[in-house]
């Protein structure tokens, strides 16, 4: 998913072969609604480079193209045009498009439209956070949509630290786990003590998905030394996913004092996947 979304933040069209440059579009800063409609119609072209040229022309027009662009995103029967409209809204970069992008993200039947809408939502930073929280709180959406919303929060990360920290205190476990993961870059940049305390609290949260995200984050950060004993204790957790997450974080941190607890765990571990990871950890940390 991460790789797909990264490509969304560049553009799908860069990967497509083109048939020449005869379709280059010239645009003006100020255009009539008829001009805009013609350009938006071009977003349904089967040639990726042609669609990209139309998108750039629409982006130069700016916010005045929003009504027709949103109409194409939400109502077009042509899936290519809907995908291109979502990407073009990212280029236009007007936060007024956010509610409509959220609607496409949560309601469109095409998964690529959903991915493209998510890629656009992520660029709006703090303005997008509350919209994403609403998605994460809703029990009607798919696992993929929850994952995309969480990815958007992580992408926003350090651009909206206060909003992310607030979300990390949520009573909703989907919101809380996504927000904890999204604190990585902010903590890396600032060593914000409040954010670190949120991670320390989350590592022992009653919700296992929150615990797992906090454990993963500790492994990525390298600096929260006070939590290393907690990671070692987590090796005894009943949940194999928590044990696995703890082992991977100990590998990343290269914690020598974890070798003996890992050897002890290997003697009693029943899960074959966890056993394989323990053996890898002992080998990696020794080296």
Protein backbone atom coordinates (compact mmCIF):
# COMPACT_ATOMS: atom_id res chain seq x y z
CA UNK A 1 0.00 0.00 0.00
CA UNK A 2 2.79 2.43 0.92
CA UNK A 3 4.48 2.06 -2.45
CA UNK A 4 1.21 2.57 -4.29
CA UNK A 5 0.44 5.74 -2.39
CA UNK A 6 3.92 7.10 -2.92
CA UNK A 7 3.33 6.67 -6.63
CA UNK A 8 0.02 8.48 -6.25
CA UNK A 9 1.93 11.46 -4.89
CA UNK A 10 3.94 11.59 -8.12
CA UNK A 11 1.33 10.35 -10.67
CA UNK A 12 0.26 7.18 -12.33
CA UNK A 13 0.76 8.73 -15.75
CA UNK A 14 4.56 8.86 -15.42
CA UNK A 15 4.60 5.09 -15.80
CA UNK A 16 2.59 5.00 -18.99
CA UNK A 17 3.99 5.01 -22.51
CA UNK A 18 2.93 7.92 -24.65
CA UNK A 19 2.15 8.28 -28.31
CA UNK A 20 3.78 11.63 -28.94
CA UNK A 21 3.29 15.20 -27.92
CA UNK A 22 0.72 16.30 -30.51
CA UNK A 23 -1.92 16.55 -27.78
CA UNK A 24 -0.15 19.22 -25.71
CA UNK A 25 -2.65 21.61 -24.17
CA UNK A 26 -2.34 25.36 -23.91
CA UNK A 27 -4.24 26.97 -21.05
CA UNK A 28 -4.95 30.43 -19.70
CA UNK A 29 -5.03 31.70 -16.14
CA UNK A 30 -8.62 32.81 -16.62
CA UNK A 31 -10.91 30.49 -18.51
CA UNK A 32 -14.63 30.31 -19.17
CA UNK A 33 -16.72 27.45 -17.82
CA UNK A 34 -16.87 26.07 -21.35
CA UNK A 35 -13.08 25.99 -21.48
CA UNK A 36 -12.99 24.24 -18.11
CA UNK A 37 -15.55 21.65 -19.23
CA UNK A 38 -13.48 20.90 -22.33
CA UNK A 39 -10.35 20.45 -20.25
CA UNK A 40 -12.12 18.20 -17.77
CA UNK A 41 -13.48 16.12 -20.62
CA UNK A 42 -9.86 15.58 -21.59
CA UNK A 43 -9.27 13.80 -18.28
CA UNK A 44 -11.04 10.80 -19.77
CA UNK A 45 -8.46 10.42 -22.55
CA UNK A 46 -6.92 6.94 -22.62
CA UNK A 47 -3.41 8.34 -23.12
CA UNK A 48 -1.76 9.01 -19.76
CA UNK A 49 0.42 11.89 -20.92
CA UNK A 50 -2.57 13.60 -22.53
CA UNK A 51 -4.51 13.32 -19.26
CA UNK A 52 -1.56 14.75 -17.40
CA UNK A 53 -1.38 17.74 -19.72
CA UNK A 54 -5.07 18.42 -19.24
CA UNK A 55 -4.61 18.14 -15.47
CA UNK A 56 -1.76 20.67 -15.54
CA UNK A 57 -3.87 23.08 -17.57
CA UNK A 58 -6.73 22.76 -15.08
CA UNK A 59 -4.31 23.32 -12.18
CA UNK A 60 -3.19 26.59 -13.79
CA UNK A 61 -6.81 27.75 -13.82
CA UNK A 62 -7.04 26.96 -10.13
CA UNK A 63 -10.04 27.10 -7.81
CA UNK A 64 -12.51 28.30 -10.43
CA UNK A 65 -12.27 24.81 -11.93
CA UNK A 66 -13.38 23.16 -8.68
CA UNK A 67 -17.15 22.86 -9.32
CA UNK A 68 -16.74 21.02 -12.63
CA UNK A 69 -13.80 19.00 -11.35
CA UNK A 70 -15.75 17.87 -8.30
CA UNK A 71 -18.70 17.00 -10.52
CA UNK A 72 -16.43 14.76 -12.59
CA UNK A 73 -14.95 13.14 -9.48
CA UNK A 74 -18.30 12.28 -7.94
CA UNK A 75 -20.61 11.77 -10.90
CA UNK A 76 -18.65 10.70 -13.99
CA UNK A 77 -19.44 7.21 -15.29
CA UNK A 78 -15.93 7.06 -16.76
CA UNK A 79 -13.60 5.56 -14.15
CA UNK A 80 -10.50 6.95 -15.88
CA UNK A 81 -11.93 10.45 -15.60
CA UNK A 82 -12.77 9.97 -11.90
CA UNK A 83 -9.23 8.77 -11.17
CA UNK A 84 -7.74 11.71 -13.06
CA UNK A 85 -10.09 14.18 -11.36
CA UNK A 86 -8.87 13.08 -7.92
CA UNK A 87 -5.26 13.57 -8.96
CA UNK A 88 -6.06 16.92 -10.54
CA UNK A 89 -7.66 18.13 -7.31
CA UNK A 90 -4.32 17.47 -5.66
CA UNK A 91 -2.68 19.76 -8.21
CA UNK A 92 -5.30 22.47 -7.73
CA UNK A 93 -4.52 22.28 -4.00
CA UNK A 94 -7.66 23.95 -2.65
CA UNK A 95 -8.84 22.61 0.74
CA UNK A 96 -12.44 23.30 -0.29
CA UNK A 97 -12.16 20.02 -2.19
CA UNK A 98 -11.58 18.01 0.99
CA UNK A 99 -15.19 16.96 1.77
CA UNK A 100 -15.64 15.83 -1.83
CA UNK A 101 -12.38 13.89 -1.85
CA UNK A 102 -13.48 12.20 1.37
CA UNK A 103 -16.78 11.28 -0.28
CA UNK A 104 -14.96 9.75 -3.26
CA UNK A 105 -12.53 7.99 -0.93
CA UNK A 106 -15.32 6.39 1.09
CA UNK A 107 -17.98 5.83 -1.58
CA UNK A 108 -16.40 5.25 -5.00
CA UNK A 109 -16.64 1.65 -6.17
CA UNK A 110 -13.19 1.78 -7.79
CA UNK A 111 -10.23 1.11 -5.49
CA UNK A 112 -7.87 3.22 -7.64
CA UNK A 113 -10.17 6.22 -7.24
CA UNK A 114 -10.05 5.61 -3.49
CA UNK A 115 -6.23 5.46 -3.55
CA UNK A 116 -6.04 8.58 -5.73
CA UNK A 117 -8.41 10.47 -3.45
CA UNK A 118 -6.34 9.45 -0.42
CA UNK A 119 -3.18 10.72 -2.12
CA UNK A 120 -4.91 14.06 -2.65
CA UNK A 121 -6.34 14.25 0.89
CA UNK A 122 -2.90 13.72 2.45
CA UNK A 123 -1.43 16.94 1.03
CA UNK A 124 -3.83 19.16 2.96
CA UNK A 125 -2.13 18.61 6.30
CA UNK A 126 -3.93 19.75 9.43
CA UNK A 127 -7.07 20.66 7.49
CA UNK A 128 -7.51 16.98 6.60
CA UNK A 129 -7.02 15.51 10.09
CA UNK A 130 -10.59 15.81 11.38
CA UNK A 131 -11.97 14.42 8.12
CA UNK A 132 -9.70 11.39 8.46
CA UNK A 133 -10.63 10.88 12.10
CA UNK A 134 -14.30 10.68 11.10
CA UNK A 135 -13.39 7.92 8.63
CA UNK A 136 -11.40 6.01 11.25
CA UNK A 137 -14.24 6.27 13.77
CA UNK A 138 -16.82 4.89 11.35
CA UNK A 139 -17.35 1.13 11.57
CA UNK A 140 -18.87 0.87 8.11
CA UNK A 141 -15.70 1.23 6.06
CA UNK A 142 -13.34 -1.45 4.77
CA UNK A 143 -9.97 -2.45 6.20
CA UNK A 144 -8.36 -0.93 3.13
CA UNK A 145 -10.07 2.41 3.78
CA UNK A 146 -8.97 2.37 7.42
CA UNK A 147 -5.44 1.61 6.25
CA UNK A 148 -5.48 4.45 3.74
CA UNK A 149 -6.84 6.90 6.32
CA UNK A 150 -4.10 5.84 8.74
CA UNK A 151 -1.50 6.28 6.00
CA UNK A 152 -2.81 9.80 5.34
CA UNK A 153 -2.38 10.68 9.02
CA UNK A 154 1.16 9.30 8.96
CA UNK A 155 1.97 11.32 5.84
CA UNK A 156 0.63 14.47 7.51
CA UNK A 157 2.56 13.68 10.71
CA UNK A 158 4.89 16.49 11.72
CA UNK A 159 2.92 19.03 9.67
CA UNK A 160 0.11 18.92 12.25
CA UNK A 161 1.64 17.75 15.56
CA UNK A 162 -1.00 19.22 17.86
CA UNK A 163 -3.88 17.68 15.91
CA UNK A 164 -2.09 14.31 15.82
CA UNK A 165 -1.35 14.43 19.57
CA UNK A 166 -4.99 15.18 20.25
CA UNK A 167 -6.00 12.20 18.09
CA UNK A 168 -3.55 10.01 20.02
CA UNK A 169 -5.70 10.61 23.12
CA UNK A 170 -8.87 9.40 21.39
CA UNK A 171 -11.04 6.74 23.00
CA UNK A 172 -11.46 5.17 19.56
CA UNK A 173 -8.74 2.54 19.08
CA UNK A 174 -8.58 2.96 15.28
CA UNK A 175 -7.93 6.68 15.68
CA UNK A 176 -5.52 6.23 18.57
CA UNK A 177 -3.38 3.55 16.89
CA UNK A 178 -3.16 5.55 13.64
CA UNK A 179 -2.24 8.73 15.51
CA UNK A 180 0.47 6.99 17.56
CA UNK A 181 2.08 5.73 14.37
CA UNK A 182 1.81 9.23 12.85
CA UNK A 183 3.88 10.75 15.70
CA UNK A 184 7.12 9.25 14.36
CA UNK A 185 8.46 12.15 12.32
CA UNK A 186 7.41 14.77 14.89
CA UNK A 187 9.22 12.96 17.71
CA UNK A 188 12.25 12.39 15.50
CA UNK A 189 12.43 16.11 14.71
CA UNK A 190 11.54 17.64 18.06
CA UNK A 191 11.85 15.08 20.89
CA UNK A 192 8.51 16.51 22.08
CA UNK A 193 8.13 15.18 25.64
CA UNK A 194 4.33 15.16 25.51
CA UNK A 195 4.41 13.05 22.34
CA UNK A 196 6.93 10.66 23.89
CA UNK A 197 4.69 10.29 26.96
CA UNK A 198 1.78 9.42 24.67
CA UNK A 199 3.87 6.59 23.19
CA UNK A 200 4.90 5.43 26.67
CA UNK A 201 1.25 5.26 27.67
CA UNK A 202 0.19 3.56 24.43
CA UNK A 203 2.70 0.75 24.77
CA UNK A 204 0.62 -0.58 27.68
CA UNK A 205 -2.77 0.40 26.29
CA UNK A 206 -5.69 -1.96 26.88
CA UNK A 207 -6.21 -2.14 23.09
CA UNK A 208 -3.74 -4.51 21.48
CA UNK A 209 -3.68 -2.68 18.13
CA UNK A 210 -2.60 0.50 19.96
CA UNK A 211 0.10 -1.44 21.83
CA UNK A 212 1.44 -2.86 18.57
CA UNK A 213 1.73 0.55 16.89
CA UNK A 214 3.53 1.96 19.92
CA UNK A 215 5.94 -1.01 19.99
CA UNK A 216 6.69 -0.57 16.28
CA UNK A 217 7.27 3.14 16.78
CA UNK A 218 9.77 2.58 19.60
CA UNK A 219 11.78 0.35 17.27
CA UNK A 220 11.87 3.06 14.60
CA UNK A 221 12.90 5.92 16.87
CA UNK A 222 16.07 4.51 18.50
CA UNK A 223 15.96 7.12 21.28
CA UNK A 224 13.32 6.15 23.85
CA UNK A 225 15.70 4.08 25.99
CA UNK A 226 13.34 4.04 28.95
CA UNK A 227 11.00 1.76 27.00
CA UNK A 228 13.55 -0.97 26.21
CA UNK A 229 12.79 -2.92 29.43
CA UNK A 230 9.11 -2.75 28.49
CA UNK A 231 9.88 -4.18 25.04
CA UNK A 232 11.68 -7.10 26.68
CA UNK A 233 8.74 -7.71 29.02
CA UNK A 234 6.43 -7.76 25.99
CA UNK A 235 8.19 -10.95 24.86
CA UNK A 236 6.03 -12.73 27.46
CA UNK A 237 2.75 -11.31 26.13
CA UNK A 238 0.03 -13.83 25.25
CA UNK A 239 -0.62 -12.20 21.88
CA UNK A 240 1.82 -13.53 19.23
CA UNK A 241 1.47 -10.30 17.21
CA UNK A 242 2.68 -8.29 20.21
CA UNK A 243 5.57 -10.71 20.70
CA UNK A 244 6.49 -10.40 17.01
CA UNK A 245 6.32 -6.60 17.04
CA UNK A 246 8.51 -6.52 20.17
CA UNK A 247 11.10 -8.83 18.62
CA UNK A 248 11.32 -6.76 15.44
CA UNK A 249 11.78 -3.57 17.46
CA UNK A 250 14.52 -5.21 19.54
CA UNK A 251 16.25 -6.20 16.27
CA UNK A 252 16.03 -2.62 15.00
CA UNK A 253 17.41 -1.27 18.27
CA UNK A 254 20.08 -4.03 18.44
CA UNK A 255 19.53 -4.58 22.15
CA UNK A 256 22.18 -7.00 23.48
CA UNK A 257 20.42 -7.49 26.81
CA UNK A 258 17.49 -9.00 24.90
CA UNK A 259 19.49 -12.06 23.78
CA UNK A 260 18.99 -14.12 26.96
CA UNK A 261 15.24 -13.33 27.21
CA UNK A 262 14.94 -14.28 23.53
CA UNK A 263 16.71 -17.58 24.16
CA UNK A 264 14.39 -18.27 27.09
CA UNK A 265 11.38 -17.49 24.91
CA UNK A 266 12.63 -19.82 22.16
CA UNK A 267 12.52 -22.74 24.62
CA UNK A 268 8.79 -22.34 25.19
CA UNK A 269 7.46 -20.58 22.07
CA UNK A 270 4.76 -22.61 20.29
CA UNK A 271 4.09 -20.32 17.32
CA UNK A 272 6.33 -21.35 14.41
CA UNK A 273 6.36 -17.86 12.88
CA UNK A 274 7.43 -16.32 16.17
CA UNK A 275 10.10 -19.02 16.61
CA UNK A 276 11.56 -18.15 13.22
CA UNK A 277 11.68 -14.47 14.12
CA UNK A 278 13.32 -15.22 17.49
CA UNK A 279 16.09 -17.18 15.75
CA UNK A 280 16.61 -14.30 13.31
CA UNK A 281 16.72 -11.81 16.20
CA UNK A 282 19.35 -13.77 18.13
CA UNK A 283 21.49 -14.04 15.00
CA UNK A 284 21.09 -10.36 14.04
CA UNK A 285 21.71 -8.94 17.52
CA UNK A 286 24.80 -11.14 18.06
CA UNK A 287 26.28 -9.83 14.83
